[in-house]
Protein backbone atom coordinates (compact mmCIF):
# COMPACT_ATOMS: atom_id res chain seq x y z
CA MET A 1 1.50 14.85 9.14
CA ASN A 2 2.98 12.57 6.54
CA THR A 3 6.26 10.67 6.22
CA LEU A 4 8.82 10.34 3.54
CA VAL A 5 10.01 6.74 3.45
CA LEU A 6 13.38 5.57 2.12
CA ASP A 7 14.74 2.06 1.51
CA ILE A 8 18.46 1.72 0.72
CA GLY A 9 19.36 -1.85 -0.27
CA GLY A 10 22.26 -3.62 -1.72
CA THR A 11 21.13 -3.39 -5.29
CA LYS A 12 18.42 -0.61 -5.39
CA CYS A 13 16.90 2.25 -3.47
CA SER A 14 13.27 3.21 -3.10
CA ILE A 15 11.60 6.41 -1.87
CA ALA A 16 7.99 7.32 -1.53
CA SER A 17 5.37 9.31 0.43
CA ALA A 18 3.91 7.06 3.09
CA ASN A 19 0.45 8.39 2.25
CA ASP A 20 0.89 7.08 -1.32
CA LEU A 21 3.15 4.00 -1.65
CA GLY A 22 2.19 3.97 -5.32
CA SER A 23 4.44 7.07 -5.60
CA ILE A 24 7.60 4.96 -5.26
CA LYS A 25 10.59 6.15 -7.18
CA GLU A 26 13.53 3.71 -7.57
CA LEU A 27 17.11 3.74 -8.62
CA VAL A 28 19.66 0.95 -9.19
CA THR A 29 22.60 1.50 -6.92
CA ALA A 30 25.10 0.09 -9.23
CA ASP A 31 24.31 2.85 -11.73
CA PHE A 32 25.42 5.53 -9.16
CA GLU A 33 28.53 3.78 -7.81
CA THR A 34 29.03 5.80 -4.66
CA PRO A 35 26.90 6.96 -1.65
CA ASP A 36 27.29 10.58 -2.66
CA ARG A 37 25.89 10.04 -6.15
CA ILE A 38 23.13 7.87 -4.76
CA LEU A 39 22.18 10.53 -2.23
CA THR A 40 22.23 13.32 -4.85
CA GLN A 41 19.61 11.35 -6.92
CA ILE A 42 17.58 10.50 -3.72
CA ALA A 43 17.50 14.21 -2.86
CA THR A 44 16.17 15.06 -6.27
CA TYR A 45 13.32 12.42 -5.86
CA ALA A 46 12.67 13.58 -2.30
CA LYS A 47 12.33 17.20 -3.35
CA ASP A 48 9.79 16.20 -6.04
CA LEU A 49 7.74 14.33 -3.47
CA LEU A 50 7.91 17.26 -1.01
CA ALA A 51 6.68 19.64 -3.74
CA GLN A 52 3.71 17.47 -4.32
CA ASP A 53 2.87 16.98 -0.68
CA SER A 54 3.28 19.80 1.86
CA SER A 55 2.12 17.60 4.74
CA ILE A 56 5.44 15.63 4.74
CA ASP A 57 7.24 16.57 7.97
CA ARG A 58 9.60 13.68 8.77
CA MET A 59 11.49 10.79 7.18
CA GLY A 60 11.94 7.18 8.06
CA VAL A 61 14.78 5.23 6.62
CA SER A 62 15.52 1.51 6.08
CA PHE A 63 19.17 0.62 5.49
CA GLY A 64 20.54 -2.63 4.14
CA GLY A 65 23.35 -3.37 6.54
CA PRO A 66 24.40 -3.27 10.16
CA PHE A 67 23.19 0.01 11.81
CA ASP A 68 23.97 1.93 15.07
CA PHE A 69 20.42 2.85 16.04
CA ALA A 70 21.41 4.65 19.27
CA ASN A 71 23.78 6.99 17.39
CA GLN A 72 21.82 6.87 14.07
CA LYS A 73 24.83 5.99 11.98
CA VAL A 74 25.65 3.27 9.55
CA LYS A 75 28.08 0.66 10.76
CA ARG A 76 28.90 -0.73 7.43
CA SER A 77 27.60 -1.98 4.11
CA VAL A 78 29.28 -4.99 2.56
CA HIS A 79 27.79 -4.40 -0.98
CA VAL A 80 28.20 -0.66 -1.49
CA SER A 81 31.42 0.73 0.20
CA GLY A 82 31.54 4.26 1.62
CA TRP A 83 28.51 4.30 3.89
CA GLU A 84 30.44 3.79 7.13
CA GLU A 85 29.47 6.34 9.87
CA PHE A 86 26.98 7.99 7.63
CA ASP A 87 24.27 9.90 9.62
CA PHE A 88 20.88 9.98 7.82
CA SER A 89 19.32 12.30 10.35
CA ASP A 90 22.03 14.97 9.77
CA TRP A 91 21.81 14.57 5.99
CA SER A 92 18.10 14.78 5.97
CA ASN A 93 17.97 17.85 8.18
CA LYS A 94 20.55 19.70 6.04
CA THR A 95 19.36 18.57 2.68
CA LEU A 96 15.68 18.32 3.08
CA GLY A 97 14.83 20.19 6.25
CA LEU A 98 13.24 16.98 7.72
CA PRO A 99 13.95 15.16 10.97
CA ALA A 100 14.70 11.56 10.19
CA VAL A 101 15.25 8.20 11.92
CA ALA A 102 16.81 5.12 10.42
CA ASP A 103 17.35 1.45 11.22
CA ASN A 104 18.60 -1.62 9.46
CA ASP A 105 16.26 -3.12 6.84
CA ALA A 106 15.59 -6.32 8.70
CA ASN A 107 14.30 -4.52 11.87
CA VAL A 108 12.27 -2.16 9.72
CA GLY A 109 10.91 -5.02 7.69
CA ALA A 110 9.94 -6.82 10.90
CA LEU A 111 8.15 -3.72 12.07
CA GLY A 112 6.24 -3.34 8.79
CA GLU A 113 5.16 -6.99 8.95
CA PHE A 114 4.03 -6.57 12.56
CA VAL A 115 1.91 -3.48 12.05
CA SER A 116 0.50 -4.61 8.87
CA ARG A 117 -1.04 -7.60 10.74
CA GLY A 118 -2.70 -5.36 13.18
CA SER A 119 0.21 -5.91 15.74
CA LYS A 120 -1.48 -9.28 16.68
CA HIS A 121 1.69 -11.39 16.84
CA SER A 122 3.71 -10.03 19.75
CA ASN A 123 6.64 -12.41 19.02
CA LEU A 124 7.53 -12.26 15.40
CA ALA A 125 10.64 -12.96 13.40
CA TYR A 126 11.23 -11.58 9.88
CA VAL A 127 13.94 -12.90 7.73
CA THR A 128 15.09 -11.03 4.58
CA VAL A 129 16.64 -13.31 1.97
CA SER A 130 17.99 -11.08 -0.65
CA THR A 131 21.35 -9.60 -1.60
CA GLY A 132 22.23 -10.42 1.97
CA ILE A 133 20.47 -12.23 4.77
CA GLY A 134 19.36 -10.78 8.04
CA SER A 135 16.43 -10.99 10.57
CA GLY A 136 14.46 -8.53 12.52
CA LEU A 137 12.95 -9.60 15.92
CA ILE A 138 9.79 -8.44 17.47
CA ILE A 139 9.72 -9.61 21.09
CA ASP A 140 6.77 -8.65 23.25
CA GLY A 141 5.68 -6.21 20.64
CA LYS A 142 8.94 -4.34 20.30
CA ILE A 143 11.99 -4.44 18.10
CA TYR A 144 14.78 -6.39 19.84
CA ARG A 145 18.20 -5.03 18.86
CA GLY A 146 20.45 -6.55 21.54
CA HIS A 147 23.44 -5.32 23.28
CA GLY A 148 25.55 -3.64 20.69
CA GLU A 149 22.55 -3.61 18.45
CA LEU A 150 23.65 -6.71 16.42
CA ALA A 151 20.77 -9.03 17.31
CA GLY A 152 19.25 -10.77 14.31
CA GLU A 153 22.41 -11.12 12.21
CA LEU A 154 21.21 -14.49 11.06
CA GLY A 155 23.23 -14.41 7.88
CA HIS A 156 26.48 -14.66 9.97
CA ILE A 157 25.64 -17.88 11.82
CA VAL A 158 27.78 -20.81 10.80
CA ILE A 159 26.03 -23.75 9.25
CA ASP A 160 29.14 -25.49 7.87
CA PRO A 161 32.47 -24.65 9.53
CA SER A 162 34.30 -26.23 6.51
CA GLY A 163 32.56 -24.04 3.96
CA PRO A 164 33.96 -21.17 1.98
CA ALA A 165 34.90 -17.81 3.60
CA ASP A 166 32.93 -14.69 3.09
CA GLU A 167 34.40 -11.16 2.73
CA LEU A 168 34.79 -10.90 6.51
CA GLY A 169 36.76 -14.10 6.62
CA ASN A 170 33.88 -16.15 8.33
CA ARG A 171 33.56 -19.60 7.01
CA GLY A 172 30.41 -21.47 6.08
CA THR A 173 27.88 -18.81 7.10
CA LEU A 174 24.25 -18.85 6.02
CA GLU A 175 24.81 -15.75 3.99
CA ARG A 176 27.82 -17.18 2.33
CA PHE A 177 25.75 -20.12 1.08
CA CYS A 178 22.29 -18.59 0.54
CA SER A 179 22.53 -14.83 -0.22
CA GLY A 180 21.87 -13.42 -3.73
CA TYR A 181 25.21 -11.70 -3.63
CA TRP A 182 27.22 -14.99 -3.21
CA LEU A 183 25.00 -17.05 -5.45
CA ARG A 184 25.73 -14.68 -8.27
CA LYS A 185 29.45 -14.70 -7.46
CA ASP A 186 29.69 -18.50 -7.20
CA TYR A 187 27.44 -19.49 -10.07
CA GLY A 188 27.15 -16.51 -12.37
CA LYS A 189 23.30 -16.79 -12.19
CA SER A 190 20.59 -15.26 -10.25
CA ALA A 191 18.87 -17.10 -7.36
CA GLN A 192 15.68 -17.09 -9.48
CA GLU A 193 17.42 -19.04 -12.24
CA LEU A 194 19.23 -21.42 -9.94
CA LEU A 195 16.11 -22.37 -7.91
CA LEU A 196 14.44 -23.68 -11.06
CA ASP A 197 16.77 -26.68 -10.81
CA ASP A 198 15.33 -29.31 -8.50
CA VAL A 199 18.74 -30.54 -7.25
CA PHE A 200 19.90 -27.08 -6.45
CA LEU A 201 16.50 -26.22 -4.81
CA LEU A 202 16.94 -29.12 -2.44
CA GLU A 203 20.53 -28.17 -1.46
CA TYR A 204 19.62 -24.51 -1.06
CA SER A 205 16.38 -25.15 0.98
CA THR A 206 18.34 -27.52 3.32
CA ARG A 207 20.90 -24.90 4.04
CA LEU A 208 18.35 -22.10 4.47
CA ALA A 209 16.30 -24.39 6.76
CA ALA A 210 19.29 -24.93 8.94
CA GLY A 211 19.59 -21.32 9.58
CA LEU A 212 15.93 -20.88 10.10
CA SER A 213 15.66 -23.71 12.55
CA THR A 214 18.37 -22.21 14.72
CA LEU A 215 16.25 -18.99 14.86
CA VAL A 216 13.11 -20.85 15.67
CA ARG A 217 14.73 -22.88 18.33
CA LEU A 218 16.37 -19.76 19.97
CA ILE A 219 13.41 -17.37 20.24
CA ASN A 220 10.38 -19.57 19.42
CA PRO A 221 8.42 -16.82 17.52
CA GLU A 222 4.63 -17.15 16.98
CA LEU A 223 5.16 -16.16 13.38
CA LEU A 224 8.18 -16.52 11.03
CA VAL A 225 7.92 -14.33 7.95
CA LEU A 226 10.26 -14.68 5.01
CA GLY A 227 10.76 -11.81 2.59
CA GLY A 228 13.31 -10.36 0.20
CA GLY A 229 13.99 -10.89 -3.46
CA ILE A 230 14.89 -14.57 -3.34
CA THR A 231 11.49 -15.50 -1.77
CA LYS A 232 9.99 -14.41 -5.19
CA ALA A 233 10.83 -17.99 -6.11
CA GLY A 234 7.39 -18.55 -4.33
CA PRO A 235 5.67 -21.87 -3.97
CA ARG A 236 8.67 -23.98 -5.09
CA LEU A 237 10.88 -22.51 -2.36
CA GLU A 238 8.04 -22.41 0.22
CA SER A 239 7.20 -26.04 -0.35
CA ALA A 240 10.85 -27.09 -0.13
CA LEU A 241 11.37 -25.23 3.11
CA LEU A 242 8.18 -26.68 4.66
CA ASN A 243 9.41 -30.14 3.78
CA GLN A 244 12.50 -29.45 5.81
CA LEU A 245 10.85 -27.46 8.74
CA GLN A 246 7.34 -28.82 9.21
CA THR A 247 8.15 -31.07 12.11
CA LEU A 248 9.94 -28.29 13.99
CA LEU A 249 7.15 -25.73 13.29
CA ASP A 250 4.63 -28.13 14.68
CA GLN A 251 6.71 -28.81 17.79
CA THR A 252 7.31 -25.06 18.41
CA GLN A 253 3.83 -23.96 17.30
CA THR A 254 5.49 -21.44 14.98
CA LYS A 255 3.70 -20.50 11.77
CA LEU A 256 5.76 -19.88 8.55
CA GLU A 257 4.63 -17.37 6.07
CA PHE A 258 6.13 -15.75 2.94
CA SER A 259 5.50 -12.02 3.03
CA THR A 260 2.81 -10.67 0.67
CA LEU A 261 3.88 -7.11 1.10
CA GLY A 262 6.93 -7.13 -1.26
CA ASN A 263 9.05 -4.01 -0.83
CA SER A 264 6.19 -2.30 0.98
CA ASN A 265 7.06 -3.99 4.24
CA VAL A 266 10.14 -1.84 4.82
CA LEU A 267 8.33 1.27 3.63
CA ILE A 268 5.49 0.61 6.08
CA GLY A 269 8.10 -0.14 8.71
CA ALA A 270 9.97 3.11 8.05
CA ARG A 271 6.70 4.99 8.33
CA GLU A 272 5.94 3.35 11.69
CA LEU A 273 9.52 3.92 12.90
CA ALA A 274 9.26 7.58 12.22
CA LYS A 275 5.86 7.71 13.92
CA ASN A 276 7.25 6.06 16.99
CA GLU A 277 10.57 7.86 17.27
CA LEU A 278 9.79 11.36 15.93
CA ARG A 279 6.70 12.31 17.92
CA SER A 280 5.70 15.93 17.59
């Protein structure tokens, strides 16, 4: 048995065979404009991978946005319109002949970080800091989704009520200040460029730390893992955050790590999700 793993993000999509994560094929979502066009290209990639590996018998999907896990449907995507109510399981069965299971990228990323560490940390929080900001929560060794399946929407907590509004009308949210999407809109530059400036780095890390400290205080995870494209700023950002958070981390006995898995964490998580939910 093998799994086809798919990650649909705000700026790009990745698909691979779980037995060979070096087989990743990628596309930039902006080049394809609509979900239908994105899915057409994904299907082409998927059929190539299926032709190469006859052991693939299921698919696990990571989706970059709020997701209705119980009904296996997308709730919405802020960054690429048209995904609302989309059913990956139905699409996969009809298009590829494979059963599929999907969840939002933060949950899937948390699962990937959890299993990649040998499932040692039964209380783990994973925060993705990328096009958007979200968190996946592993509590007592299982994904915690909450009533209504909206647990972990860290990007929507308010860190400054007087701040600017996001596209949902919420003011001063963590995502509005710290996500790649809004940094590009506000400053016309990528997060990587902006974080080279020491003054901006201090302001940014202070805001991000405010959101992270709320999460740490609320669930007191054993391990807090940061991932996503913005964390590629690396030691500069990590050092700035530790300056803000070290006292709290010491008090709560929480360890902070930057993910070393890159995009593989959601692919590993998608494999594990399919393994857990699509048992033969």
